[in-house]
């Protein structure tokens, strides 16, 4: 018994000291119970006030006035409340009339309700720093996302005009067709905001608005690939222009909008026999037939895009080697070269090309006028009708070039160089199933067991 440290301490301490320690312990226990009960009552009152304020503003897109918000309390989907402020010194009067000052708020691990959030200084949390639900983040942006809160009210019409100037001028300007597509997609998104009575301000560019827009496109019957391209256009506007270029926001407004990635359909191509069938369909000895056959042969031999073929300059074509220069997408100038058979059809066309043509464009009409975009599309439509290959279009020759190269053993780097793609991923998409066939042949070639 004498070895017990507690008894040894009690024997060593004077009797008054023991009584004082006991009184302090008892008062501390009583004060803790009273403080926790007070905290619980305060929390219940806050929940009641929050419920009444929610009832005054039911299911509307407007946020509650700042005066009706309770700091630290979330919306109806998650009502989190906090205890009263941090630790305080509470004076208590003991039975002997002596005033004891007891520190409160320490070693308090009691939680009367699991829906209540307890933490030091949590009642002083600002409303804008409160945790927002996922739905709120999709429907409106917190104030701290803006580098200046006034930018949330910036006109989208004005930003659209500035965006047009940015992408259509300067050393990094985009191709005319790309600019037109980006602006058309942005205009369609703005019309969607108007249909849903959303203000045309930057703060309305939210994930929820993009979701509504894509649902409208699906209802209109747009293909998944068309919707993917439009969503990417809006994401480029929000990230590259608003966030990185103008620095109006601290983060991307549409960072929570996932980039769509629908399954790519199998690329259609024209077989070598079908290409020969198209060329044989031009059996008339007329200027149009000779020209159209040379155009189709150029598509098949080079894999160039429609606009690059249409704008080929006559002065750049070498009649001996078949080399030429073409302006591709993005103002990229590429060197091309025709195959021997395509050169033969080109010589026949140049022999009949009007001498009085006042343009350097290679393809002209019978009167010497430059062949327009509509005129070249008419050439493709006539080729479809005369050959009977209804799936034929100008880009089909480009797909065929990639797959024909893969079938003949070309790797991704070679296909990328052949088509002038900026990334191997695009070349891989164009090669399609031909890469799988190439992989099967490589399995046999490199099998370790022969």
Protein backbone atom coordinates (compact mmCIF):
# COMPACT_ATOMS: atom_id res chain seq x y z
CA UNK A 1 0.00 0.00 0.00
CA UNK A 2 2.85 2.38 0.81
CA UNK A 3 4.23 1.84 -2.71
CA UNK A 4 1.13 3.43 -4.29
CA UNK A 5 2.22 6.86 -5.76
CA UNK A 6 -1.28 8.32 -5.40
CA UNK A 7 -1.50 7.52 -1.70
CA UNK A 8 2.03 8.71 -1.22
CA UNK A 9 1.10 12.06 -2.78
CA UNK A 10 -2.05 12.29 -0.66
CA UNK A 11 -0.09 11.65 2.54
CA UNK A 12 2.48 14.21 1.61
CA UNK A 13 -0.06 16.95 0.76
CA UNK A 14 -1.80 18.96 3.44
CA UNK A 15 -5.52 18.29 3.99
CA UNK A 16 -6.70 21.69 2.64
CA UNK A 17 -4.85 21.10 -0.59
CA UNK A 18 -6.66 17.78 -1.09
CA UNK A 19 -10.03 19.45 -0.58
CA UNK A 20 -9.19 22.23 -3.06
CA UNK A 21 -8.16 19.75 -5.75
CA UNK A 22 -11.39 17.81 -5.26
CA UNK A 23 -13.52 20.94 -5.53
CA UNK A 24 -11.74 22.03 -8.73
CA UNK A 25 -12.29 18.63 -10.33
CA UNK A 26 -15.98 18.62 -9.42
CA UNK A 27 -16.52 22.18 -10.69
CA UNK A 28 -14.68 21.41 -13.93
CA UNK A 29 -16.94 18.43 -14.58
CA UNK A 30 -20.09 20.45 -13.90
CA UNK A 31 -18.95 23.35 -16.09
CA UNK A 32 -18.11 21.00 -18.97
CA UNK A 33 -21.59 19.53 -18.88
CA UNK A 34 -23.20 22.97 -18.79
CA UNK A 35 -21.05 24.27 -21.67
CA UNK A 36 -21.84 21.26 -23.88
CA UNK A 37 -25.54 21.61 -23.18
CA UNK A 38 -25.33 25.30 -24.13
CA UNK A 39 -23.50 24.44 -27.35
CA UNK A 40 -26.16 21.92 -28.24
CA UNK A 41 -28.97 24.44 -27.67
CA UNK A 42 -27.17 27.04 -29.83
CA UNK A 43 -26.73 24.50 -32.62
CA UNK A 44 -30.40 23.56 -32.58
CA UNK A 45 -31.37 27.22 -32.79
CA UNK A 46 -29.08 27.73 -35.81
CA UNK A 47 -30.64 24.77 -37.60
CA UNK A 48 -34.11 26.20 -36.96
CA UNK A 49 -33.10 29.62 -38.34
CA UNK A 50 -31.57 27.98 -41.42
CA UNK A 51 -34.74 25.98 -42.13
CA UNK A 52 -36.87 29.12 -41.92
CA UNK A 53 -34.54 31.03 -44.28
CA UNK A 54 -34.65 28.14 -46.80
CA UNK A 55 -38.45 28.19 -46.72
CA UNK A 56 -38.40 31.86 -47.72
CA UNK A 57 -36.34 31.13 -50.86
CA UNK A 58 -37.60 27.76 -52.24
CA UNK A 59 -35.97 26.03 -55.24
CA UNK A 60 -34.94 29.15 -57.12
CA UNK A 61 -31.75 29.81 -58.96
CA UNK A 62 -31.16 32.90 -56.81
CA UNK A 63 -28.86 32.70 -53.84
CA UNK A 64 -30.15 33.73 -50.38
CA UNK A 65 -29.34 37.24 -49.21
CA UNK A 66 -26.20 37.53 -47.17
CA UNK A 67 -28.25 38.68 -44.19
CA UNK A 68 -30.17 35.38 -44.11
CA UNK A 69 -27.13 33.15 -44.36
CA UNK A 70 -25.78 31.50 -41.23
CA UNK A 71 -21.96 31.25 -41.16
CA UNK A 72 -20.81 27.66 -41.25
CA UNK A 73 -24.23 26.25 -42.23
CA UNK A 74 -24.62 24.48 -45.57
CA UNK A 75 -27.75 24.18 -47.71
CA UNK A 76 -30.61 21.77 -47.13
CA UNK A 77 -28.71 18.85 -48.65
CA UNK A 78 -26.00 19.18 -46.00
CA UNK A 79 -26.79 21.20 -42.87
CA UNK A 80 -23.49 21.39 -41.03
CA UNK A 81 -23.37 23.52 -37.91
CA UNK A 82 -20.54 24.50 -35.61
CA UNK A 83 -20.28 25.15 -31.90
CA UNK A 84 -19.84 28.57 -30.49
CA UNK A 85 -16.49 30.32 -30.69
CA UNK A 86 -13.10 29.15 -29.49
CA UNK A 87 -11.88 28.44 -25.98
CA UNK A 88 -12.85 30.94 -23.34
CA UNK A 89 -12.11 31.39 -19.65
CA UNK A 90 -15.35 30.89 -17.67
CA UNK A 91 -15.40 32.11 -14.07
CA UNK A 92 -17.26 29.83 -11.64
CA UNK A 93 -17.97 30.33 -7.95
CA UNK A 94 -17.28 27.43 -5.65
CA UNK A 95 -19.15 26.46 -2.53
CA UNK A 96 -16.70 28.39 -0.30
CA UNK A 97 -17.31 31.61 -2.22
CA UNK A 98 -13.92 31.43 -3.90
CA UNK A 99 -13.90 32.27 -7.62
CA UNK A 100 -12.22 29.63 -9.78
CA UNK A 101 -11.21 30.39 -13.37
CA UNK A 102 -11.41 27.24 -15.47
CA UNK A 103 -10.19 27.06 -19.16
CA UNK A 104 -12.86 25.58 -21.40
CA UNK A 105 -12.88 24.24 -24.93
CA UNK A 106 -9.91 21.92 -24.44
CA UNK A 107 -9.94 18.13 -24.56
CA UNK A 108 -13.54 18.25 -25.78
CA UNK A 109 -14.17 15.22 -27.95
CA UNK A 110 -17.91 14.94 -27.31
CA UNK A 111 -20.23 15.28 -30.34
CA UNK A 112 -23.91 15.31 -29.41
CA UNK A 113 -25.02 14.97 -33.03
CA UNK A 114 -23.20 13.42 -36.02
CA UNK A 115 -24.66 16.10 -38.32
CA UNK A 116 -22.80 18.79 -36.38
CA UNK A 117 -19.30 19.86 -37.30
CA UNK A 118 -17.15 20.82 -34.31
CA UNK A 119 -13.90 22.65 -34.60
CA UNK A 120 -12.04 25.60 -33.20
CA UNK A 121 -13.07 28.96 -34.68
CA UNK A 122 -15.41 27.22 -37.13
CA UNK A 123 -18.20 29.69 -36.41
CA UNK A 124 -16.01 32.44 -37.94
CA UNK A 125 -15.74 30.68 -41.33
CA UNK A 126 -16.65 32.97 -44.24
CA UNK A 127 -19.60 31.99 -46.42
CA UNK A 128 -17.52 32.00 -49.61
CA UNK A 129 -15.02 29.57 -48.06
CA UNK A 130 -17.69 27.09 -46.99
CA UNK A 131 -17.67 23.67 -48.65
CA UNK A 132 -20.02 23.73 -51.63
CA UNK A 133 -21.97 20.76 -52.87
CA UNK A 134 -21.25 19.40 -56.33
CA UNK A 135 -24.57 20.70 -57.67
CA UNK A 136 -23.82 24.22 -56.45
CA UNK A 137 -20.42 24.18 -58.13
CA UNK A 138 -22.06 23.15 -61.38
CA UNK A 139 -24.72 25.88 -61.25
CA UNK A 140 -22.75 28.87 -59.98
CA UNK A 141 -19.13 29.76 -59.30
CA UNK A 142 -17.77 30.83 -55.89
CA UNK A 143 -16.49 34.37 -55.64
CA UNK A 144 -12.89 33.30 -55.01
CA UNK A 145 -12.67 31.80 -58.51
CA UNK A 146 -12.50 35.29 -60.06
CA UNK A 147 -9.37 37.40 -60.06
CA UNK A 148 -11.79 40.32 -59.67
CA UNK A 149 -15.41 39.66 -58.60
CA UNK A 150 -16.60 42.15 -61.24
CA UNK A 151 -15.48 39.76 -64.00
CA UNK A 152 -18.44 37.49 -63.22
CA UNK A 153 -20.71 40.14 -64.80
CA UNK A 154 -18.56 40.63 -67.91
CA UNK A 155 -20.62 40.51 -71.12
CA UNK A 156 -20.24 37.31 -73.14
CA UNK A 157 -21.04 39.24 -76.32
CA UNK A 158 -18.04 41.47 -75.78
CA UNK A 159 -15.80 38.52 -74.85
CA UNK A 160 -16.97 36.72 -77.99
CA UNK A 161 -15.84 39.62 -80.18
CA UNK A 162 -12.48 39.77 -78.41
CA UNK A 163 -12.10 36.02 -78.83
CA UNK A 164 -12.74 36.33 -82.56
CA UNK A 165 -10.03 38.96 -82.87
CA UNK A 166 -7.61 36.86 -80.83
CA UNK A 167 -7.92 33.65 -82.87
CA UNK A 168 -8.15 35.28 -86.31
CA UNK A 169 -5.20 37.69 -86.11
CA UNK A 170 -1.57 37.61 -85.06
CA UNK A 171 1.21 35.09 -85.60
CA UNK A 172 -0.76 32.26 -83.95
CA UNK A 173 -4.02 32.83 -85.80
CA UNK A 174 -6.11 29.80 -86.62
CA UNK A 175 -7.35 28.68 -90.02
CA UNK A 176 -10.44 30.44 -91.36
CA UNK A 177 -12.57 27.31 -91.09
CA UNK A 178 -11.40 26.68 -87.53
CA UNK A 179 -12.25 30.25 -86.53
CA UNK A 180 -15.68 29.92 -88.10
CA UNK A 181 -16.35 26.63 -86.29
CA UNK A 182 -15.26 27.97 -82.87
CA UNK A 183 -17.46 31.05 -83.24
CA UNK A 184 -20.46 29.06 -84.47
CA UNK A 185 -20.20 26.72 -81.48
CA UNK A 186 -19.87 29.66 -79.07
CA UNK A 187 -22.88 31.42 -80.62
CA UNK A 188 -24.94 28.25 -80.29
CA UNK A 189 -24.01 28.04 -76.60
CA UNK A 190 -25.06 31.67 -76.05
CA UNK A 191 -28.42 30.98 -77.69
CA UNK A 192 -28.86 28.07 -75.29
CA UNK A 193 -28.27 30.40 -72.34
CA UNK A 194 -30.91 32.78 -73.68
CA UNK A 195 -33.44 29.96 -74.07
CA UNK A 196 -32.97 29.07 -70.40
CA UNK A 197 -33.29 32.72 -69.28
CA UNK A 198 -29.67 32.87 -68.19
CA UNK A 199 -27.89 36.25 -68.35
CA UNK A 200 -25.24 36.50 -71.05
CA UNK A 201 -22.42 37.12 -68.61
CA UNK A 202 -19.27 35.18 -67.88
CA UNK A 203 -20.65 33.87 -64.61
CA UNK A 204 -23.25 31.88 -66.59
CA UNK A 205 -20.54 29.71 -68.19
CA UNK A 206 -20.98 26.79 -65.80
CA UNK A 207 -20.88 22.98 -66.09
CA UNK A 208 -24.65 22.91 -65.60
CA UNK A 209 -25.16 25.24 -68.58
CA UNK A 210 -22.93 23.05 -70.75
CA UNK A 211 -24.93 19.98 -69.71
CA UNK A 212 -28.19 21.67 -70.73
CA UNK A 213 -26.62 22.63 -74.05
CA UNK A 214 -25.44 19.09 -74.83
CA UNK A 215 -28.88 17.69 -73.94
CA UNK A 216 -30.43 20.08 -76.47
CA UNK A 217 -28.00 18.89 -79.13
CA UNK A 218 -28.84 15.27 -78.41
CA UNK A 219 -32.54 16.13 -78.72
CA UNK A 220 -31.83 17.72 -82.11
CA UNK A 221 -30.27 14.47 -83.28
CA UNK A 222 -26.64 15.62 -83.44
CA UNK A 223 -24.09 12.80 -83.57
CA UNK A 224 -21.83 12.13 -80.56
CA UNK A 225 -18.81 13.27 -82.58
CA UNK A 226 -20.50 16.55 -83.48
CA UNK A 227 -21.37 17.18 -79.82
CA UNK A 228 -17.81 16.29 -78.81
CA UNK A 229 -16.38 18.91 -81.16
CA UNK A 230 -18.74 21.59 -79.84
CA UNK A 231 -17.99 20.88 -76.19
CA UNK A 232 -14.26 21.04 -76.94
CA UNK A 233 -14.79 24.45 -78.59
CA UNK A 234 -16.38 25.85 -75.41
CA UNK A 235 -13.68 24.32 -73.22
CA UNK A 236 -11.00 25.96 -75.37
CA UNK A 237 -12.77 29.32 -74.99
CA UNK A 238 -13.01 28.98 -71.19
CA UNK A 239 -9.49 27.64 -70.60
CA UNK A 240 -7.20 29.03 -73.28
CA UNK A 241 -8.82 32.45 -73.65
CA UNK A 242 -10.65 33.36 -70.43
CA UNK A 243 -8.31 31.67 -67.93
CA UNK A 244 -4.87 31.69 -69.57
CA UNK A 245 -5.04 34.58 -72.03
CA UNK A 246 -7.16 37.19 -70.21
CA UNK A 247 -6.55 35.79 -66.69
CA UNK A 248 -10.09 36.67 -65.58
CA UNK A 249 -10.28 33.52 -63.44
CA UNK A 250 -7.89 31.73 -61.13
CA UNK A 251 -8.89 28.32 -62.56
CA UNK A 252 -10.66 26.98 -65.64
CA UNK A 253 -14.41 27.65 -65.38
CA UNK A 254 -15.22 24.33 -67.07
CA UNK A 255 -12.54 22.20 -65.43
CA UNK A 256 -15.25 19.83 -64.15
CA UNK A 257 -16.62 19.24 -67.67
CA UNK A 258 -14.99 16.03 -68.86
CA UNK A 259 -13.78 15.99 -72.43
CA UNK A 260 -16.13 13.66 -74.34
CA UNK A 261 -14.44 10.65 -75.88
CA UNK A 262 -16.98 8.67 -77.91
CA UNK A 263 -15.94 5.46 -79.61
CA UNK A 264 -14.60 6.20 -83.05
CA UNK A 265 -16.33 4.46 -85.94
CA UNK A 266 -14.31 2.37 -88.34
CA UNK A 267 -12.86 4.53 -91.10
CA UNK A 268 -14.27 3.87 -94.54
CA UNK A 269 -11.85 3.81 -97.44
CA UNK A 270 -11.87 3.25 -101.17
CA UNK A 271 -10.14 0.10 -102.28
CA UNK A 272 -7.67 0.19 -105.15
CA UNK A 273 -10.25 -1.39 -107.44
CA UNK A 274 -12.82 1.26 -106.49
CA UNK A 275 -10.34 4.04 -107.25
CA UNK A 276 -9.80 2.54 -110.70
CA UNK A 277 -13.56 2.31 -111.13
CA UNK A 278 -13.94 6.03 -110.45
CA UNK A 279 -11.20 6.96 -112.91
CA UNK A 280 -12.69 4.75 -115.64
CA UNK A 281 -16.07 6.48 -115.27
CA UNK A 282 -14.63 9.56 -117.03
CA UNK A 283 -14.90 8.13 -120.54
CA UNK A 284 -15.91 11.28 -122.45
CA UNK A 285 -13.46 13.37 -124.42
CA UNK A 286 -14.58 16.69 -122.90
CA UNK A 287 -12.81 19.36 -120.87
CA UNK A 288 -14.88 18.61 -117.77
CA UNK A 289 -14.16 14.87 -117.88
CA UNK A 290 -10.43 15.38 -118.44
CA UNK A 291 -10.25 17.95 -115.62
CA UNK A 292 -12.38 15.94 -113.19
CA UNK A 293 -10.33 12.80 -113.76
CA UNK A 294 -7.13 14.73 -113.02
CA UNK A 295 -8.69 16.14 -109.83
CA UNK A 296 -9.75 12.70 -108.58
CA UNK A 297 -6.31 11.30 -109.42
CA UNK A 298 -4.70 14.13 -107.40
CA UNK A 299 -6.87 13.34 -104.38
CA UNK A 300 -6.03 9.63 -104.59
CA UNK A 301 -2.29 10.15 -105.16
CA UNK A 302 -1.63 12.77 -102.45
CA UNK A 303 -4.24 12.38 -99.70
CA UNK A 304 -4.52 16.17 -99.47
CA UNK A 305 -7.57 17.91 -98.02
CA UNK A 306 -10.22 19.34 -100.32
CA UNK A 307 -9.25 23.00 -99.91
CA UNK A 308 -5.55 22.26 -100.40
CA UNK A 309 -6.29 20.54 -103.72
CA UNK A 310 -8.65 23.29 -104.87
CA UNK A 311 -6.13 26.10 -104.28
CA UNK A 312 -3.10 24.42 -105.86
CA UNK A 313 -1.09 27.10 -107.74
CA UNK A 314 -0.17 26.39 -111.35
CA UNK A 315 3.17 28.17 -110.98
CA UNK A 316 4.30 25.72 -108.27
CA UNK A 317 3.70 22.58 -110.35
CA UNK A 318 6.73 21.00 -111.99
CA UNK A 319 5.61 19.16 -115.14
CA UNK A 320 8.78 17.08 -115.21
CA UNK A 321 8.95 15.78 -111.64
CA UNK A 322 5.31 16.21 -110.64
CA UNK A 323 6.26 18.22 -107.53
CA UNK A 324 4.15 21.12 -106.26
CA UNK A 325 3.53 23.20 -103.14
CA UNK A 326 0.15 23.23 -101.40
CA UNK A 327 -1.21 25.38 -98.58
CA UNK A 328 -2.67 23.09 -95.97
CA UNK A 329 -4.78 23.65 -92.88
CA UNK A 330 -3.36 26.28 -90.54
CA UNK A 331 -1.46 28.11 -93.33
CA UNK A 332 1.05 25.27 -93.48
CA UNK A 333 2.87 25.05 -96.83
CA UNK A 334 3.68 21.48 -97.82
CA UNK A 335 5.58 19.98 -100.74
CA UNK A 336 3.75 17.25 -102.63
CA UNK A 337 4.42 15.00 -105.56
CA UNK A 338 2.13 13.14 -107.96
CA UNK A 339 2.46 9.49 -108.88
CA UNK A 340 3.31 8.63 -112.52
CA UNK A 341 -0.31 7.76 -113.36
CA UNK A 342 -1.60 10.96 -111.78
CA UNK A 343 1.02 12.94 -113.74
CA UNK A 344 -0.33 11.42 -116.95
CA UNK A 345 -3.86 12.66 -116.19
CA UNK A 346 -2.46 16.05 -115.17
CA UNK A 347 -0.63 16.47 -118.50
CA UNK A 348 -3.86 15.73 -120.36
CA UNK A 349 -5.67 18.39 -118.34
CA UNK A 350 -2.95 21.06 -118.72
CA UNK A 351 -3.04 20.55 -122.49
CA UNK A 352 -6.71 21.63 -122.44
CA UNK A 353 -6.53 24.26 -119.74
CA UNK A 354 -7.66 27.62 -121.26
CA UNK A 355 -4.69 29.76 -122.27
CA UNK A 356 -6.58 32.94 -121.47
CA UNK A 357 -7.14 32.04 -117.81
CA UNK A 358 -6.42 35.10 -115.66
CA UNK A 359 -5.60 33.16 -112.50
CA UNK A 360 -2.67 31.18 -111.19
CA UNK A 361 -5.02 28.64 -109.65
CA UNK A 362 -4.43 25.23 -111.21
CA UNK A 363 -8.06 24.17 -111.51
CA UNK A 364 -10.28 26.41 -113.61
CA UNK A 365 -13.59 26.24 -115.43
CA UNK A 366 -13.98 26.00 -119.20
CA UNK A 367 -14.03 29.82 -119.33
CA UNK A 368 -10.76 30.14 -117.41
CA UNK A 369 -12.31 31.19 -114.10
CA UNK A 370 -10.97 29.77 -110.80
CA UNK A 371 -12.83 26.67 -109.66
CA UNK A 372 -14.81 27.58 -106.53
CA UNK A 373 -15.39 25.46 -103.46
CA UNK A 374 -18.91 24.68 -104.68
CA UNK A 375 -17.54 23.77 -108.10
CA UNK A 376 -15.10 21.27 -106.61
CA UNK A 377 -17.87 19.75 -104.49
CA UNK A 378 -19.89 19.37 -107.68
CA UNK A 379 -16.97 17.43 -109.18
CA UNK A 380 -17.10 14.99 -106.26
CA UNK A 381 -20.88 14.61 -106.57
CA UNK A 382 -20.59 13.82 -110.28
CA UNK A 383 -17.88 11.25 -109.51
CA UNK A 384 -20.20 9.62 -106.97
CA UNK A 385 -23.07 9.46 -109.46
CA UNK A 386 -21.03 8.19 -112.40
CA UNK A 387 -19.07 5.57 -110.48
CA UNK A 388 -22.02 4.34 -108.41
CA UNK A 389 -19.96 4.46 -105.19
CA UNK A 390 -22.43 6.32 -102.98
CA UNK A 391 -20.19 6.57 -99.90
CA UNK A 392 -17.46 8.47 -101.74
CA UNK A 393 -16.36 11.93 -100.58
CA UNK A 394 -13.14 13.92 -100.84
CA UNK A 395 -11.82 12.99 -97.38
CA UNK A 396 -12.28 9.31 -98.13
CA UNK A 397 -9.16 9.45 -100.29
CA UNK A 398 -7.21 10.77 -97.29
CA UNK A 399 -8.38 7.88 -95.13
CA UNK A 400 -7.45 5.50 -97.92
CA UNK A 401 -3.94 6.94 -98.15
CA UNK A 402 -3.31 6.26 -94.45
CA UNK A 403 -4.66 2.71 -94.48
CA UNK A 404 -2.96 1.83 -97.76
CA UNK A 405 0.36 2.99 -96.26
CA UNK A 406 -0.21 0.91 -93.09
CA UNK A 407 -1.10 -2.17 -95.14
CA UNK A 408 2.21 -1.78 -96.92
CA UNK A 409 4.22 -1.68 -93.69
CA UNK A 410 4.45 2.05 -92.92
CA UNK A 411 4.80 2.91 -89.23
CA UNK A 412 2.94 5.69 -87.40
CA UNK A 413 5.74 8.21 -87.90
CA UNK A 414 5.71 7.60 -91.65
CA UNK A 415 1.92 7.95 -91.84
CA UNK A 416 2.10 11.16 -89.80
CA UNK A 417 4.66 12.61 -92.21
CA UNK A 418 2.68 11.42 -95.22
CA UNK A 419 -0.55 13.15 -94.15
CA UNK A 420 1.06 16.15 -92.47
CA UNK A 421 -0.50 15.54 -89.05
CA UNK A 422 0.88 17.37 -86.01
CA UNK A 423 0.49 14.40 -83.66
CA UNK A 424 0.89 10.64 -84.07
CA UNK A 425 -2.49 10.17 -82.34
CA UNK A 426 -4.30 11.64 -85.35
CA UNK A 427 -2.28 9.50 -87.74
CA UNK A 428 -3.24 6.45 -85.68
CA UNK A 429 -6.92 7.37 -85.96
CA UNK A 430 -6.68 7.65 -89.75
CA UNK A 431 -4.84 4.37 -90.14
CA UNK A 432 -7.57 2.62 -88.13
CA UNK A 433 -7.97 -1.11 -88.69
CA UNK A 434 -4.98 -1.21 -91.01
CA UNK A 435 -2.73 -0.95 -87.94
CA UNK A 436 -4.38 -4.05 -86.47
CA UNK A 437 -3.74 -5.92 -89.69
CA UNK A 438 -0.14 -4.69 -89.65
CA UNK A 439 0.22 -5.89 -86.05
CA UNK A 440 -0.98 -9.34 -87.02
CA UNK A 441 1.66 -9.56 -89.77
CA UNK A 442 4.35 -8.38 -87.37
CA UNK A 443 3.40 -11.12 -84.90
CA UNK A 444 4.26 -13.75 -87.51
CA UNK A 445 7.42 -11.90 -88.56
CA UNK A 446 8.85 -11.48 -85.05
CA UNK A 447 7.54 -14.64 -83.38
CA UNK A 448 10.33 -16.19 -81.24
CA UNK A 449 9.27 -19.73 -82.09
CA UNK A 450 9.23 -19.28 -85.84
